Amino acid sequence: MVRYYFDLQDGDTFVRDEEGTELLDIAEAQIEAADFLADMAKDLSMRSPSPSGHPMSIEVRDPDGPLFLVSYVFLRRTQ
C-alpha cells in the first residue's frame, strides 16, 4: 500500500491534503482523483459559476512528490 495525497485547487481556494489515503497503486489513485473531481463538478453545477469559468484541479502526490494532475473547468456559455 502507498499513501497518496490529493491536493485540491477550487477556483482561488487551495486545500492541501495532510492526511492522505492508502491505496494499492497509482491506478487506484487515478480513479480516486477522477471520482472526487466528478463529485466536486456536480456540486459546482448547482452553483452559479463565473462567466469567465471556474477551474478545479486535484494534484496527486506520494511521499516522494507530485505524480499527476486532474483538472476541470466549468465554463458557462452565454447565448
PDB file of N, CA and C in Angstrom:
ATOM      1  N   MET A   1       0.840  -1.187   0.000  1.00  0.00           N
ATOM      2  CA  MET A   1       0.000   0.000   0.000  1.00  0.00           C
ATOM      3  C   MET A   1       0.886   1.252   0.000  1.00  0.00           C
ATOM      4  N   VAL A   2       0.417   2.229  -0.737  1.00  0.00           N
ATOM      5  CA  VAL A   2       1.115   3.513  -0.830  1.00  0.00           C
ATOM      6  C   VAL A   2       0.167   4.602  -0.350  1.00  0.00           C
ATOM      7  N   ARG A   3       0.696   5.583   0.351  1.00  0.00           N
ATOM      8  CA  ARG A   3      -0.129   6.720   0.778  1.00  0.00           C
ATOM      9  C   ARG A   3      -0.075   7.784  -0.311  1.00  0.00           C
ATOM     10  N   TYR A   4      -1.263   8.154  -0.810  1.00  0.00           N
ATOM     11  CA  TYR A   4      -1.401   9.193  -1.828  1.00  0.00           C
ATOM     12  C   TYR A   4      -2.100  10.394  -1.207  1.00  0.00           C
ATOM     13  N   TYR A   5      -1.699  11.570  -1.649  1.00  0.00           N
ATOM     14  CA  TYR A   5      -2.257  12.825  -1.153  1.00  0.00           C
ATOM     15  C   TYR A   5      -2.958  13.524  -2.312  1.00  0.00           C
ATOM     16  N   PHE A   6      -4.140  14.072  -2.028  1.00  0.00           N
ATOM     17  CA  PHE A   6      -4.979  14.690  -3.046  1.00  0.00           C
ATOM     18  C   PHE A   6      -5.168  16.161  -2.691  1.00  0.00           C
ATOM     19  N   ASP A   7      -4.350  17.027  -3.286  1.00  0.00           N
ATOM     20  CA  ASP A   7      -4.419  18.469  -3.025  1.00  0.00           C
ATOM     21  C   ASP A   7      -5.426  19.094  -3.981  1.00  0.00           C
ATOM     22  N   LEU A   8      -6.371  19.830  -3.434  1.00  0.00           N
ATOM     23  CA  LEU A   8      -7.477  20.398  -4.207  1.00  0.00           C
ATOM     24  C   LEU A   8      -7.264  21.880  -4.468  1.00  0.00           C
ATOM     25  N   GLN A   9      -7.435  22.281  -5.712  1.00  0.00           N
ATOM     26  CA  GLN A   9      -7.483  23.694  -6.095  1.00  0.00           C
ATOM     27  C   GLN A   9      -8.883  23.938  -6.637  1.00  0.00           C
ATOM     28  N   ASP A  10      -9.681  24.734  -5.925  1.00  0.00           N
ATOM     29  CA  ASP A  10     -11.066  25.028  -6.311  1.00  0.00           C
ATOM     30  C   ASP A  10     -11.180  26.531  -6.509  1.00  0.00           C
ATOM     31  N   GLY A  11     -11.059  26.964  -7.767  1.00  0.00           N
ATOM     32  CA  GLY A  11     -11.022  28.410  -8.022  1.00  0.00           C
ATOM     33  C   GLY A  11      -9.779  28.981  -7.367  1.00  0.00           C
ATOM     34  N   ASP A  12      -9.976  29.939  -6.454  1.00  0.00           N
ATOM     35  CA  ASP A  12      -8.852  30.561  -5.752  1.00  0.00           C
ATOM     36  C   ASP A  12      -8.506  29.847  -4.443  1.00  0.00           C
ATOM     37  N   THR A  13      -9.261  28.824  -4.094  1.00  0.00           N
ATOM     38  CA  THR A  13      -9.064  28.116  -2.829  1.00  0.00           C
ATOM     39  C   THR A  13      -8.183  26.891  -3.015  1.00  0.00           C
ATOM     40  N   PHE A  14      -7.145  26.783  -2.189  1.00  0.00           N
ATOM     41  CA  PHE A  14      -6.253  25.633  -2.222  1.00  0.00           C
ATOM     42  C   PHE A  14      -6.359  24.891  -0.894  1.00  0.00           C
ATOM     43  N   VAL A  15      -6.572  23.576  -0.965  1.00  0.00           N
ATOM     44  CA  VAL A  15      -6.636  22.745   0.236  1.00  0.00           C
ATOM     45  C   VAL A  15      -5.612  21.628   0.089  1.00  0.00           C
ATOM     46  N   ARG A  16      -4.609  21.655   0.947  1.00  0.00           N
ATOM     47  CA  ARG A  16      -3.555  20.632   0.928  1.00  0.00           C
ATOM     48  C   ARG A  16      -4.012  19.440   1.757  1.00  0.00           C
ATOM     49  N   ASP A  17      -3.895  18.263   1.196  1.00  0.00           N
ATOM     50  CA  ASP A  17      -4.246  17.023   1.888  1.00  0.00           C
ATOM     51  C   ASP A  17      -3.078  16.630   2.790  1.00  0.00           C
ATOM     52  N   GLU A  18      -3.254  16.790   4.075  1.00  0.00           N
ATOM     53  CA  GLU A  18      -2.202  16.463   5.034  1.00  0.00           C
ATOM     54  C   GLU A  18      -2.294  15.010   5.513  1.00  0.00           C
ATOM     55  N   GLU A  19      -3.458  14.397   5.338  1.00  0.00           N
ATOM     56  CA  GLU A  19      -3.700  13.045   5.858  1.00  0.00           C
ATOM     57  C   GLU A  19      -3.360  11.954   4.845  1.00  0.00           C
ATOM     58  N   GLY A  20      -3.804  12.132   3.617  1.00  0.00           N
ATOM     59  CA  GLY A  20      -3.568  11.137   2.582  1.00  0.00           C
ATOM     60  C   GLY A  20      -4.482   9.925   2.709  1.00  0.00           C
ATOM     61  N   THR A  21      -4.398   9.066   1.708  1.00  0.00           N
ATOM     62  CA  THR A  21      -5.211   7.854   1.642  1.00  0.00           C
ATOM     63  C   THR A  21      -4.323   6.716   1.161  1.00  0.00           C
ATOM     64  N   GLU A  22      -4.399   5.590   1.844  1.00  0.00           N
ATOM     65  CA  GLU A  22      -3.618   4.431   1.416  1.00  0.00           C
ATOM     66  C   GLU A  22      -4.367   3.673   0.327  1.00  0.00           C
ATOM     67  N   LEU A  23      -3.691   3.475  -0.799  1.00  0.00           N
ATOM     68  CA  LEU A  23      -4.265   2.762  -1.941  1.00  0.00           C
ATOM     69  C   LEU A  23      -3.235   1.759  -2.461  1.00  0.00           C
ATOM     70  N   LEU A  24      -3.724   0.803  -3.246  1.00  0.00           N
ATOM     71  CA  LEU A  24      -2.836  -0.242  -3.759  1.00  0.00           C
ATOM     72  C   LEU A  24      -1.787   0.275  -4.736  1.00  0.00           C
ATOM     73  N   ASP A  25      -2.220   1.168  -5.664  1.00  0.00           N
ATOM     74  CA  ASP A  25      -1.295   1.605  -6.700  1.00  0.00           C
ATOM     75  C   ASP A  25      -1.777   2.907  -7.331  1.00  0.00           C
ATOM     76  N   ILE A  26      -1.002   3.384  -8.307  1.00  0.00           N
ATOM     77  CA  ILE A  26      -1.317   4.660  -8.950  1.00  0.00           C
ATOM     78  C   ILE A  26      -2.621   4.588  -9.743  1.00  0.00           C
ATOM     79  N   ALA A  27      -2.965   3.415 -10.262  1.00  0.00           N
ATOM     80  CA  ALA A  27      -4.236   3.279 -10.986  1.00  0.00           C
ATOM     81  C   ALA A  27      -5.416   3.559 -10.059  1.00  0.00           C
ATOM     82  N   GLU A  28      -5.348   3.066  -8.828  1.00  0.00           N
ATOM     83  CA  GLU A  28      -6.418   3.363  -7.859  1.00  0.00           C
ATOM     84  C   GLU A  28      -6.421   4.849  -7.501  1.00  0.00           C
ATOM     85  N   ALA A  29      -5.253   5.457  -7.433  1.00  0.00           N
ATOM     86  CA  ALA A  29      -5.174   6.888  -7.137  1.00  0.00           C
ATOM     87  C   ALA A  29      -5.804   7.706  -8.266  1.00  0.00           C
ATOM     88  N   GLN A  30      -5.607   7.274  -9.509  1.00  0.00           N
ATOM     89  CA  GLN A  30      -6.212   7.966 -10.645  1.00  0.00           C
ATOM     90  C   GLN A  30      -7.735   7.888 -10.573  1.00  0.00           C
ATOM     91  N   ILE A  31      -8.266   6.723 -10.250  1.00  0.00           N
ATOM     92  CA  ILE A  31      -9.718   6.551 -10.127  1.00  0.00           C
ATOM     93  C   ILE A  31     -10.254   7.407  -8.985  1.00  0.00           C
ATOM     94  N   GLU A  32      -9.568   7.389  -7.860  1.00  0.00           N
ATOM     95  CA  GLU A  32      -9.985   8.178  -6.691  1.00  0.00           C
ATOM     96  C   GLU A  32     -10.018   9.670  -7.023  1.00  0.00           C
ATOM     97  N   ALA A  33      -8.987  10.157  -7.706  1.00  0.00           N
ATOM     98  CA  ALA A  33      -8.928  11.583  -8.077  1.00  0.00           C
ATOM     99  C   ALA A  33     -10.046  11.940  -9.048  1.00  0.00           C
ATOM    100  N   ALA A  34     -10.275  11.106 -10.040  1.00  0.00           N
ATOM    101  CA  ALA A  34     -11.329  11.381 -11.025  1.00  0.00           C
ATOM    102  C   ALA A  34     -12.705  11.369 -10.368  1.00  0.00           C
ATOM    103  N   ASP A  35     -12.958  10.403  -9.485  1.00  0.00           N
ATOM    104  CA  ASP A  35     -14.242  10.339  -8.784  1.00  0.00           C
ATOM    105  C   ASP A  35     -14.452  11.569  -7.903  1.00  0.00           C
ATOM    106  N   PHE A  36     -13.412  11.969  -7.189  1.00  0.00           N
ATOM    107  CA  PHE A  36     -13.512  13.134  -6.305  1.00  0.00           C
ATOM    108  C   PHE A  36     -13.787  14.405  -7.110  1.00  0.00           C
ATOM    109  N   LEU A  37     -13.069  14.565  -8.208  1.00  0.00           N
ATOM    110  CA  LEU A  37     -13.272  15.750  -9.047  1.00  0.00           C
ATOM    111  C   LEU A  37     -14.660  15.742  -9.685  1.00  0.00           C
ATOM    112  N   ALA A  38     -15.151  14.579 -10.072  1.00  0.00           N
ATOM    113  CA  ALA A  38     -16.506  14.481 -10.638  1.00  0.00           C
ATOM    114  C   ALA A  38     -17.549  14.913  -9.602  1.00  0.00           C
ATOM    115  N   ASP A  39     -17.364  14.495  -8.352  1.00  0.00           N
ATOM    116  CA  ASP A  39     -18.284  14.921  -7.291  1.00  0.00           C
ATOM    117  C   ASP A  39     -18.225  16.429  -7.086  1.00  0.00           C
ATOM    118  N   MET A  40     -17.025  16.990  -7.129  1.00  0.00           N
ATOM    119  CA  MET A  40     -16.884  18.441  -6.985  1.00  0.00           C
ATOM    120  C   MET A  40     -17.560  19.161  -8.148  1.00  0.00           C
ATOM    121  N   ALA A  41     -17.433  18.624  -9.354  1.00  0.00           N
ATOM    122  CA  ALA A  41     -18.050  19.234 -10.533  1.00  0.00           C
ATOM    123  C   ALA A  41     -19.570  19.205 -10.416  1.00  0.00           C
ATOM    124  N   LYS A  42     -20.123  18.130  -9.882  1.00  0.00           N
ATOM    125  CA  LYS A  42     -21.576  18.056  -9.679  1.00  0.00           C
ATOM    126  C   LYS A  42     -22.030  19.142  -8.727  1.00  0.00           C
ATOM    127  N   ASP A  43     -21.282  19.341  -7.633  1.00  0.00           N
ATOM    128  CA  ASP A  43     -21.628  20.393  -6.678  1.00  0.00           C
ATOM    129  C   ASP A  43     -21.534  21.766  -7.327  1.00  0.00           C
ATOM    130  N   LEU A  44     -20.525  21.983  -8.155  1.00  0.00           N
ATOM    131  CA  LEU A  44     -20.337  23.267  -8.822  1.00  0.00           C
ATOM    132  C   LEU A  44     -21.484  23.568  -9.770  1.00  0.00           C
ATOM    133  N   SER A  45     -21.994  22.552 -10.446  1.00  0.00           N
ATOM    134  CA  SER A  45     -23.065  22.789 -11.416  1.00  0.00           C
ATOM    135  C   SER A  45     -24.336  23.299 -10.737  1.00  0.00           C
ATOM    136  N   MET A  46     -24.454  23.103  -9.431  1.00  0.00           N
ATOM    137  CA  MET A  46     -25.615  23.602  -8.684  1.00  0.00           C
ATOM    138  C   MET A  46     -25.457  25.087  -8.349  1.00  0.00           C
ATOM    139  N   ARG A  47     -24.219  25.577  -8.392  1.00  0.00           N
ATOM    140  CA  ARG A  47     -23.946  26.987  -8.102  1.00  0.00           C
ATOM    141  C   ARG A  47     -23.967  27.785  -9.396  1.00  0.00           C
ATOM    142  N   SER A  48     -23.811  29.066  -9.267  1.00  0.00           N
ATOM    143  CA  SER A  48     -23.760  29.950 -10.428  1.00  0.00           C
ATOM    144  C   SER A  48     -22.298  30.293 -10.701  1.00  0.00           C
ATOM    145  N   PRO A  49     -21.649  29.576 -11.598  1.00  0.00           N
ATOM    146  CA  PRO A  49     -20.229  29.837 -11.832  1.00  0.00           C
ATOM    147  C   PRO A  49     -19.992  31.164 -12.536  1.00  0.00           C
ATOM    148  N   SER A  50     -18.785  31.623 -12.407  1.00  0.00           N
ATOM    149  CA  SER A  50     -18.379  32.866 -13.063  1.00  0.00           C
ATOM    150  C   SER A  50     -18.441  32.685 -14.576  1.00  0.00           C
ATOM    151  N   PRO A  51     -18.888  33.705 -15.307  1.00  0.00           N
ATOM    152  CA  PRO A  51     -18.909  33.599 -16.769  1.00  0.00           C
ATOM    153  C   PRO A  51     -17.519  33.372 -17.366  1.00  0.00           C
ATOM    154  N   SER A  52     -16.482  33.747 -16.619  1.00  0.00           N
ATOM    155  CA  SER A  52     -15.121  33.553 -17.120  1.00  0.00           C
ATOM    156  C   SER A  52     -14.597  32.150 -16.833  1.00  0.00           C
ATOM    157  N   GLY A  53     -15.400  31.338 -16.173  1.00  0.00           N
ATOM    158  CA  GLY A  53     -15.011  29.950 -15.906  1.00  0.00           C
ATOM    159  C   GLY A  53     -14.621  29.725 -14.464  1.00  0.00           C
ATOM    160  N   HIS A  54     -14.734  28.485 -14.066  1.00  0.00           N
ATOM    161  CA  HIS A  54     -14.367  28.087 -12.707  1.00  0.00           C
ATOM    162  C   HIS A  54     -13.485  26.845 -12.809  1.00  0.00           C
ATOM    163  N   PRO A  55     -12.183  26.996 -12.629  1.00  0.00           N
ATOM    164  CA  PRO A  55     -11.298  25.841 -12.719  1.00  0.00           C
ATOM    165  C   PRO A  55     -11.218  25.084 -11.396  1.00  0.00           C
ATOM    166  N   MET A  56     -11.073  23.786 -11.491  1.00  0.00           N
ATOM    167  CA  MET A  56     -10.823  22.932 -10.338  1.00  0.00           C
ATOM    168  C   MET A  56      -9.771  21.918 -10.747  1.00  0.00           C
ATOM    169  N   SER A  57      -8.935  21.553  -9.808  1.00  0.00           N
ATOM    170  CA  SER A  57      -7.952  20.518 -10.103  1.00  0.00           C
ATOM    171  C   SER A  57      -7.570  19.780  -8.825  1.00  0.00           C
ATOM    172  N   ILE A  58      -7.074  18.577  -9.032  1.00  0.00           N
ATOM    173  CA  ILE A  58      -6.533  17.782  -7.942  1.00  0.00           C
ATOM    174  C   ILE A  58      -5.140  17.342  -8.375  1.00  0.00           C
ATOM    175  N   GLU A  59      -4.162  17.734  -7.579  1.00  0.00           N
ATOM    176  CA  GLU A  59      -2.810  17.241  -7.816  1.00  0.00           C
ATOM    177  C   GLU A  59      -2.583  16.072  -6.868  1.00  0.00           C
ATOM    178  N   VAL A  60      -2.190  14.950  -7.425  1.00  0.00           N
ATOM    179  CA  VAL A  60      -1.957  13.756  -6.626  1.00  0.00           C
ATOM    180  C   VAL A  60      -0.457  13.593  -6.440  1.00  0.00           C
ATOM    181  N   ARG A  61      -0.080  13.333  -5.197  1.00  0.00           N
ATOM    182  CA  ARG A  61       1.326  13.141  -4.885  1.00  0.00           C
ATOM    183  C   ARG A  61       1.484  11.962  -3.932  1.00  0.00           C
ATOM    184  N   ASP A  62       2.672  11.429  -3.899  1.00  0.00           N
ATOM    185  CA  ASP A  62       3.014  10.423  -2.903  1.00  0.00           C
ATOM    186  C   ASP A  62       4.083  11.044  -2.008  1.00  0.00           C
ATOM    187  N   PRO A  63       4.641  10.311  -1.060  1.00  0.00           N
ATOM    188  CA  PRO A  63       5.648  10.920  -0.178  1.00  0.00           C
ATOM    189  C   PRO A  63       6.873  11.476  -0.919  1.00  0.00           C
ATOM    190  N   ASP A  64       7.125  11.016  -2.149  1.00  0.00           N
ATOM    191  CA  ASP A  64       8.279  11.495  -2.914  1.00  0.00           C
ATOM    192  C   ASP A  64       7.986  12.746  -3.734  1.00  0.00           C
ATOM    193  N   GLY A  65       6.699  13.116  -3.901  1.00  0.00           N
ATOM    194  CA  GLY A  65       6.379  14.319  -4.652  1.00  0.00           C
ATOM    195  C   GLY A  65       5.211  14.134  -5.600  1.00  0.00           C
ATOM    196  N   PRO A  66       4.941  15.159  -6.449  1.00  0.00           N
ATOM    197  CA  PRO A  66       3.795  15.136  -7.361  1.00  0.00           C
ATOM    198  C   PRO A  66       3.879  14.002  -8.375  1.00  0.00           C
ATOM    199  N   LEU A  67       2.689  13.426  -8.687  1.00  0.00           N
ATOM    200  CA  LEU A  67       2.588  12.342  -9.664  1.00  0.00           C
ATOM    201  C   LEU A  67       1.803  12.743 -10.899  1.00  0.00           C
ATOM    202  N   PHE A  68       0.611  13.341 -10.692  1.00  0.00           N
ATOM    203  CA  PHE A  68      -0.215  13.759 -11.818  1.00  0.00           C
ATOM    204  C   PHE A  68      -1.245  14.770 -11.362  1.00  0.00           C
ATOM    205  N   LEU A  69      -1.877  15.403 -12.353  1.00  0.00           N
ATOM    206  CA  LEU A  69      -2.885  16.435 -12.112  1.00  0.00           C
ATOM    207  C   LEU A  69      -4.138  16.086 -12.905  1.00  0.00           C
ATOM    208  N   VAL A  70      -5.271  16.187 -12.244  1.00  0.00           N
ATOM    209  CA  VAL A  70      -6.570  16.013 -12.894  1.00  0.00           C
ATOM    210  C   VAL A  70      -7.254  17.372 -12.801  1.00  0.00           C
ATOM    211  N   SER A  71      -7.755  17.905 -13.940  1.00  0.00           N
ATOM    212  CA  SER A  71      -8.354  19.239 -13.890  1.00  0.00           C
ATOM    213  C   SER A  71      -9.683  19.280 -14.635  1.00  0.00           C
ATOM    214  N   TYR A  72     -10.444  20.334 -14.316  1.00  0.00           N
ATOM    215  CA  TYR A  72     -11.792  20.513 -14.844  1.00  0.00           C
ATOM    216  C   TYR A  72     -12.061  22.006 -14.869  1.00  0.00           C
ATOM    217  N   VAL A  73     -12.696  22.492 -15.923  1.00  0.00           N
ATOM    218  CA  VAL A  73     -13.116  23.896 -15.969  1.00  0.00           C
ATOM    219  C   VAL A  73     -14.592  23.927 -16.308  1.00  0.00           C
ATOM    220  N   PHE A  74     -15.377  24.560 -15.443  1.00  0.00           N
ATOM    221  CA  PHE A  74     -16.796  24.756 -15.690  1.00  0.00           C
ATOM    222  C   PHE A  74     -16.940  26.136 -16.301  1.00  0.00           C
ATOM    223  N   LEU A  75     -17.362  26.184 -17.559  1.00  0.00           N
ATOM    224  CA  LEU A  75     -17.484  27.452 -18.276  1.00  0.00           C
ATOM    225  C   LEU A  75     -18.894  27.568 -18.817  1.00  0.00           C
ATOM    226  N   ARG A  76     -19.599  28.599 -18.401  1.00  0.00           N
ATOM    227  CA  ARG A  76     -20.964  28.826 -18.854  1.00  0.00           C
ATOM    228  C   ARG A  76     -20.937  29.683 -20.117  1.00  0.00           C
ATOM    229  N   ARG A  77     -21.550  29.181 -21.146  1.00  0.00           N
ATOM    230  CA  ARG A  77     -21.656  29.930 -22.416  1.00  0.00           C
ATOM    231  C   ARG A  77     -22.913  30.771 -22.374  1.00  0.00           C
ATOM    232  N   THR A  78     -22.775  32.029 -22.760  1.00  0.00           N
ATOM    233  CA  THR A  78     -23.954  32.900 -22.822  1.00  0.00           C
ATOM    234  C   THR A  78     -24.504  32.868 -24.235  1.00  0.00           C
ATOM    235  N   GLN A  79     -25.798  32.875 -24.344  1.00  0.00           N
ATOM    236  CA  GLN A  79     -26.458  32.811 -25.638  1.00  0.00           C
ATOM    237  C   GLN A  79     -26.931  34.199 -26.041  1.00  0.00           C
TER     238      GLN A  79
END
